[in-house]
């Protein structure tokens, strides 16, 4: 969640995902690193998913075919499909939040958003 949100820059999602991650036991420093786009000392089982998520978001949902294939080989079809579904959901939320911010900005003459 946080890696994709870092790329898309949605402040609402940033706040929400950080709260969830901290409740789930992520250390504050780790959360800050992820939101800065830094993947430091990740769980070995999660590193491929995190790097793929970052690549996926940075490439506007069009990942390199080889990387996508490696995701499916490493995690298996079912888990990789779940990862990609979650990535799409997070992107939708990020873009919705950014759109809302722009709407507030325009509505308020630049005071909000």
N, C-alpha and C. Protein backbone atom coordinates (compact mmCIF):
# COMPACT_ATOMS: atom_id res chain seq x y z
N UNK A 1 0.83 -1.20 0.00
CA UNK A 1 0.00 0.00 0.00
C UNK A 1 0.87 1.25 0.00
N UNK A 2 1.84 1.26 0.88
CA UNK A 2 2.62 2.47 1.06
C UNK A 2 3.57 2.74 -0.11
N UNK A 3 4.06 1.68 -0.74
CA UNK A 3 4.97 1.86 -1.86
C UNK A 3 4.24 2.50 -3.04
N UNK A 4 3.05 2.02 -3.34
CA UNK A 4 2.26 2.57 -4.45
C UNK A 4 1.82 3.99 -4.11
N UNK A 5 1.39 4.22 -2.89
CA UNK A 5 0.97 5.54 -2.45
C UNK A 5 2.12 6.54 -2.53
N UNK A 6 3.34 6.07 -2.22
CA UNK A 6 4.50 6.96 -2.32
C UNK A 6 4.70 7.43 -3.75
N UNK A 7 4.51 6.54 -4.71
CA UNK A 7 4.66 6.90 -6.12
C UNK A 7 3.54 7.84 -6.55
N UNK A 8 2.31 7.55 -6.14
CA UNK A 8 1.15 8.33 -6.59
C UNK A 8 0.94 9.61 -5.79
N UNK A 9 1.54 9.72 -4.62
CA UNK A 9 1.52 10.95 -3.85
C UNK A 9 0.16 11.39 -3.31
N UNK A 10 -0.67 10.47 -2.88
CA UNK A 10 -1.96 10.84 -2.30
C UNK A 10 -1.82 11.03 -0.80
N UNK A 11 -2.04 12.23 -0.32
CA UNK A 11 -1.84 12.49 1.11
C UNK A 11 -2.88 11.80 1.99
N UNK A 12 -4.09 11.64 1.50
CA UNK A 12 -5.12 10.95 2.28
C UNK A 12 -4.76 9.48 2.45
N UNK A 13 -4.36 8.85 1.35
CA UNK A 13 -3.97 7.44 1.40
C UNK A 13 -2.70 7.26 2.21
N UNK A 14 -1.79 8.20 2.09
CA UNK A 14 -0.56 8.19 2.85
C UNK A 14 -0.88 8.10 4.34
N UNK A 15 -1.75 8.97 4.80
CA UNK A 15 -2.14 9.00 6.21
C UNK A 15 -2.82 7.69 6.61
N UNK A 16 -3.77 7.26 5.81
CA UNK A 16 -4.55 6.06 6.12
C UNK A 16 -3.67 4.80 6.15
N UNK A 17 -2.87 4.61 5.11
CA UNK A 17 -2.03 3.42 5.02
C UNK A 17 -0.98 3.40 6.13
N UNK A 18 -0.45 4.56 6.48
CA UNK A 18 0.53 4.63 7.56
C UNK A 18 -0.10 4.22 8.88
N UNK A 19 -1.30 4.69 9.15
CA UNK A 19 -1.98 4.30 10.39
C UNK A 19 -2.19 2.80 10.45
N UNK A 20 -2.63 2.21 9.35
CA UNK A 20 -2.86 0.76 9.32
C UNK A 20 -1.54 0.01 9.53
N UNK A 21 -0.50 0.44 8.83
CA UNK A 21 0.80 -0.24 8.93
C UNK A 21 1.35 -0.17 10.35
N UNK A 22 1.22 0.97 10.99
CA UNK A 22 1.71 1.10 12.37
C UNK A 22 0.91 0.22 13.32
N UNK A 23 -0.40 0.12 13.12
CA UNK A 23 -1.22 -0.76 13.95
C UNK A 23 -0.84 -2.22 13.76
N UNK A 24 -0.37 -2.55 12.55
CA UNK A 24 0.02 -3.93 12.25
C UNK A 24 1.45 -4.24 12.69
N UNK A 25 2.14 -3.26 13.28
CA UNK A 25 3.45 -3.51 13.85
C UNK A 25 4.63 -2.97 13.07
N UNK A 26 4.40 -2.26 11.98
CA UNK A 26 5.51 -1.66 11.24
C UNK A 26 6.10 -0.54 12.09
N UNK A 27 7.40 -0.49 12.15
CA UNK A 27 8.08 0.55 12.92
C UNK A 27 7.93 1.90 12.20
N UNK A 28 7.83 3.01 12.96
CA UNK A 28 7.67 4.33 12.34
C UNK A 28 8.75 4.65 11.31
N UNK A 29 9.99 4.27 11.58
CA UNK A 29 11.07 4.54 10.63
C UNK A 29 10.89 3.77 9.33
N UNK A 30 10.41 2.54 9.44
CA UNK A 30 10.14 1.73 8.24
C UNK A 30 9.02 2.37 7.42
N UNK A 31 8.00 2.87 8.09
CA UNK A 31 6.89 3.52 7.40
C UNK A 31 7.39 4.76 6.65
N UNK A 32 8.21 5.56 7.31
CA UNK A 32 8.75 6.75 6.66
C UNK A 32 9.59 6.38 5.44
N UNK A 33 10.38 5.32 5.55
CA UNK A 33 11.20 4.89 4.43
C UNK A 33 10.34 4.48 3.24
N UNK A 34 9.30 3.67 3.50
CA UNK A 34 8.43 3.23 2.42
C UNK A 34 7.74 4.41 1.74
N UNK A 35 7.29 5.37 2.54
CA UNK A 35 6.62 6.54 1.96
C UNK A 35 7.59 7.44 1.20
N UNK A 36 8.86 7.29 1.48
CA UNK A 36 9.87 8.05 0.74
C UNK A 36 10.33 7.27 -0.51
N UNK A 37 9.72 6.11 -0.72
CA UNK A 37 10.07 5.29 -1.87
C UNK A 37 11.31 4.44 -1.67
N UNK A 38 11.73 4.31 -0.41
CA UNK A 38 12.92 3.53 -0.08
C UNK A 38 12.48 2.18 0.49
N UNK A 39 13.03 1.12 -0.05
CA UNK A 39 12.69 -0.21 0.44
C UNK A 39 13.94 -0.75 1.15
N UNK A 40 14.02 -0.47 2.44
CA UNK A 40 15.18 -0.87 3.25
C UNK A 40 14.82 -2.04 4.15
N UNK A 41 15.63 -3.05 4.15
CA UNK A 41 15.47 -4.21 5.05
C UNK A 41 14.07 -4.82 5.02
N UNK A 42 13.54 -5.11 3.85
CA UNK A 42 12.18 -5.68 3.80
C UNK A 42 12.18 -7.15 4.24
N UNK A 43 11.02 -7.61 4.62
CA UNK A 43 10.81 -9.03 4.90
C UNK A 43 11.19 -9.79 3.62
N UNK A 44 12.03 -10.82 3.73
CA UNK A 44 12.46 -11.55 2.52
C UNK A 44 11.30 -12.07 1.67
N UNK A 45 10.18 -12.43 2.29
CA UNK A 45 9.04 -12.93 1.53
C UNK A 45 8.29 -11.81 0.81
N UNK A 46 8.48 -10.58 1.25
CA UNK A 46 7.75 -9.45 0.67
C UNK A 46 8.56 -8.62 -0.32
N UNK A 47 9.87 -8.82 -0.36
CA UNK A 47 10.72 -7.92 -1.15
C UNK A 47 10.35 -7.92 -2.62
N UNK A 48 10.06 -9.07 -3.20
CA UNK A 48 9.70 -9.11 -4.62
C UNK A 48 8.39 -8.38 -4.88
N UNK A 49 7.43 -8.55 -3.99
CA UNK A 49 6.14 -7.86 -4.13
C UNK A 49 6.32 -6.35 -3.99
N UNK A 50 7.13 -5.91 -3.06
CA UNK A 50 7.36 -4.48 -2.86
C UNK A 50 8.04 -3.86 -4.07
N UNK A 51 9.08 -4.51 -4.56
CA UNK A 51 9.78 -3.98 -5.73
C UNK A 51 8.88 -3.99 -6.97
N UNK A 52 8.08 -5.04 -7.11
CA UNK A 52 7.14 -5.10 -8.23
C UNK A 52 6.10 -3.98 -8.11
N UNK A 53 5.56 -3.78 -6.91
CA UNK A 53 4.56 -2.73 -6.70
C UNK A 53 5.12 -1.36 -7.06
N UNK A 54 6.33 -1.10 -6.64
CA UNK A 54 6.96 0.18 -6.95
C UNK A 54 7.14 0.33 -8.46
N UNK A 55 7.66 -0.71 -9.10
CA UNK A 55 7.85 -0.70 -10.55
C UNK A 55 6.51 -0.52 -11.27
N UNK A 56 5.50 -1.24 -10.83
CA UNK A 56 4.16 -1.20 -11.42
C UNK A 56 3.60 0.23 -11.37
N UNK A 57 3.72 0.86 -10.20
CA UNK A 57 3.20 2.23 -10.04
C UNK A 57 4.02 3.24 -10.84
N UNK A 58 5.34 3.10 -10.82
CA UNK A 58 6.20 4.04 -11.54
C UNK A 58 6.01 3.95 -13.05
N UNK A 59 5.55 2.79 -13.53
CA UNK A 59 5.36 2.58 -14.96
C UNK A 59 3.89 2.66 -15.35
N UNK A 60 3.11 3.36 -14.54
CA UNK A 60 1.71 3.64 -14.84
C UNK A 60 0.91 2.37 -15.14
N UNK A 61 1.08 1.38 -14.29
CA UNK A 61 0.38 0.08 -14.34
C UNK A 61 0.81 -0.81 -15.51
N UNK A 62 1.91 -0.47 -16.17
CA UNK A 62 2.40 -1.27 -17.30
C UNK A 62 3.77 -1.85 -16.96
N UNK A 63 3.79 -2.90 -16.14
CA UNK A 63 5.08 -3.45 -15.71
C UNK A 63 5.79 -4.18 -16.83
N UNK A 64 7.08 -4.32 -16.67
CA UNK A 64 7.89 -5.11 -17.58
C UNK A 64 7.36 -6.55 -17.55
N UNK A 65 7.20 -7.14 -18.70
CA UNK A 65 6.63 -8.49 -18.82
C UNK A 65 7.44 -9.52 -18.04
N UNK A 66 8.75 -9.41 -18.09
CA UNK A 66 9.60 -10.36 -17.36
C UNK A 66 9.41 -10.24 -15.85
N UNK A 67 9.30 -9.02 -15.35
CA UNK A 67 9.09 -8.82 -13.92
C UNK A 67 7.75 -9.38 -13.48
N UNK A 68 6.74 -9.16 -14.29
CA UNK A 68 5.41 -9.69 -13.97
C UNK A 68 5.45 -11.22 -13.94
N UNK A 69 6.11 -11.81 -14.90
CA UNK A 69 6.22 -13.27 -14.96
C UNK A 69 6.95 -13.80 -13.73
N UNK A 70 8.01 -13.10 -13.32
CA UNK A 70 8.75 -13.53 -12.12
C UNK A 70 7.89 -13.44 -10.86
N UNK A 71 7.02 -12.43 -10.80
CA UNK A 71 6.10 -12.31 -9.67
C UNK A 71 5.22 -13.55 -9.58
N UNK A 72 4.69 -13.97 -10.72
CA UNK A 72 3.80 -15.13 -10.77
C UNK A 72 4.55 -16.43 -10.45
N UNK A 73 5.78 -16.54 -10.91
CA UNK A 73 6.57 -17.74 -10.62
C UNK A 73 6.88 -17.81 -9.12
N UNK A 74 7.29 -16.69 -8.55
CA UNK A 74 7.69 -16.67 -7.14
C UNK A 74 6.50 -16.87 -6.19
N UNK A 75 5.41 -16.16 -6.42
CA UNK A 75 4.27 -16.20 -5.49
C UNK A 75 3.17 -17.19 -5.89
N UNK A 76 3.21 -17.67 -7.12
CA UNK A 76 2.14 -18.54 -7.60
C UNK A 76 1.01 -17.68 -8.16
N UNK A 77 0.18 -18.30 -9.01
CA UNK A 77 -0.88 -17.56 -9.70
C UNK A 77 -1.85 -16.87 -8.74
N UNK A 78 -2.35 -17.60 -7.77
CA UNK A 78 -3.38 -17.04 -6.90
C UNK A 78 -2.86 -15.84 -6.10
N UNK A 79 -1.71 -15.99 -5.49
CA UNK A 79 -1.17 -14.90 -4.66
C UNK A 79 -0.76 -13.71 -5.54
N UNK A 80 -0.18 -13.97 -6.71
CA UNK A 80 0.21 -12.88 -7.61
C UNK A 80 -1.01 -12.12 -8.11
N UNK A 81 -2.10 -12.83 -8.39
CA UNK A 81 -3.34 -12.17 -8.82
C UNK A 81 -3.90 -11.29 -7.70
N UNK A 82 -3.80 -11.76 -6.47
CA UNK A 82 -4.24 -10.95 -5.32
C UNK A 82 -3.38 -9.69 -5.22
N UNK A 83 -2.07 -9.84 -5.38
CA UNK A 83 -1.17 -8.69 -5.33
C UNK A 83 -1.56 -7.67 -6.40
N UNK A 84 -1.79 -8.12 -7.62
CA UNK A 84 -2.15 -7.19 -8.68
C UNK A 84 -3.52 -6.56 -8.47
N UNK A 85 -4.46 -7.30 -7.91
CA UNK A 85 -5.78 -6.73 -7.61
C UNK A 85 -5.65 -5.63 -6.55
N UNK A 86 -4.85 -5.90 -5.54
CA UNK A 86 -4.65 -4.90 -4.49
C UNK A 86 -3.95 -3.67 -5.05
N UNK A 87 -2.99 -3.87 -5.94
CA UNK A 87 -2.32 -2.72 -6.57
C UNK A 87 -3.32 -1.84 -7.32
N UNK A 88 -4.22 -2.46 -8.04
CA UNK A 88 -5.24 -1.69 -8.78
C UNK A 88 -6.16 -0.94 -7.81
N UNK A 89 -6.53 -1.59 -6.72
CA UNK A 89 -7.40 -0.94 -5.73
C UNK A 89 -6.71 0.26 -5.10
N UNK A 90 -5.45 0.09 -4.76
CA UNK A 90 -4.69 1.18 -4.15
C UNK A 90 -4.55 2.34 -5.14
N UNK A 91 -4.25 2.03 -6.38
CA UNK A 91 -4.13 3.08 -7.40
C UNK A 91 -5.44 3.85 -7.54
N UNK A 92 -6.56 3.13 -7.59
CA UNK A 92 -7.86 3.78 -7.69
C UNK A 92 -8.07 4.74 -6.51
N UNK A 93 -7.75 4.26 -5.31
CA UNK A 93 -7.88 5.11 -4.12
C UNK A 93 -6.97 6.32 -4.19
N UNK A 94 -5.72 6.11 -4.61
CA UNK A 94 -4.77 7.23 -4.73
C UNK A 94 -5.25 8.27 -5.72
N UNK A 95 -5.67 7.81 -6.89
CA UNK A 95 -6.12 8.76 -7.91
C UNK A 95 -7.41 9.47 -7.49
N UNK A 96 -8.27 8.76 -6.78
CA UNK A 96 -9.49 9.40 -6.27
C UNK A 96 -9.15 10.47 -5.25
N UNK A 97 -8.22 10.17 -4.36
CA UNK A 97 -7.80 11.16 -3.35
C UNK A 97 -7.15 12.37 -3.99
N UNK A 98 -6.32 12.14 -4.98
CA UNK A 98 -5.67 13.26 -5.67
C UNK A 98 -6.69 14.11 -6.44
N UNK A 99 -7.68 13.44 -7.01
CA UNK A 99 -8.75 14.18 -7.72
C UNK A 99 -9.54 15.02 -6.73
N UNK A 100 -9.84 14.45 -5.58
CA UNK A 100 -10.56 15.18 -4.53
C UNK A 100 -9.75 16.40 -4.08
N UNK A 101 -8.45 16.21 -3.90
CA UNK A 101 -7.58 17.32 -3.53
C UNK A 101 -7.64 18.45 -4.57
N UNK A 102 -7.59 18.08 -5.84
CA UNK A 102 -7.64 19.08 -6.90
C UNK A 102 -8.99 19.79 -6.91
N UNK A 103 -10.06 19.04 -6.68
CA UNK A 103 -11.39 19.63 -6.61
C UNK A 103 -11.45 20.66 -5.48
N UNK A 104 -10.94 20.29 -4.30
CA UNK A 104 -10.92 21.24 -3.17
C UNK A 104 -10.07 22.46 -3.50
N UNK A 105 -8.95 22.24 -4.16
CA UNK A 105 -8.07 23.33 -4.54
C UNK A 105 -8.80 24.33 -5.44
N UNK A 106 -9.47 23.81 -6.46
CA UNK A 106 -10.19 24.68 -7.40
C UNK A 106 -11.38 25.36 -6.72
N UNK A 107 -12.11 24.59 -5.92
CA UNK A 107 -13.29 25.12 -5.25
C UNK A 107 -12.93 26.24 -4.27
N UNK A 108 -11.79 26.13 -3.62
CA UNK A 108 -11.40 27.09 -2.58
C UNK A 108 -10.51 28.21 -3.11
N UNK A 109 -10.28 28.24 -4.40
CA UNK A 109 -9.39 29.26 -4.94
C UNK A 109 -7.95 29.07 -4.50
N UNK A 110 -7.57 27.84 -4.24
CA UNK A 110 -6.18 27.52 -3.88
C UNK A 110 -5.90 27.47 -2.39
N UNK A 111 -6.91 27.65 -1.55
CA UNK A 111 -6.69 27.61 -0.10
C UNK A 111 -6.65 26.19 0.45
N UNK A 112 -7.36 25.28 -0.16
CA UNK A 112 -7.41 23.88 0.31
C UNK A 112 -6.86 22.99 -0.78
N UNK A 113 -6.56 21.76 -0.39
CA UNK A 113 -6.11 20.78 -1.37
C UNK A 113 -4.64 20.86 -1.68
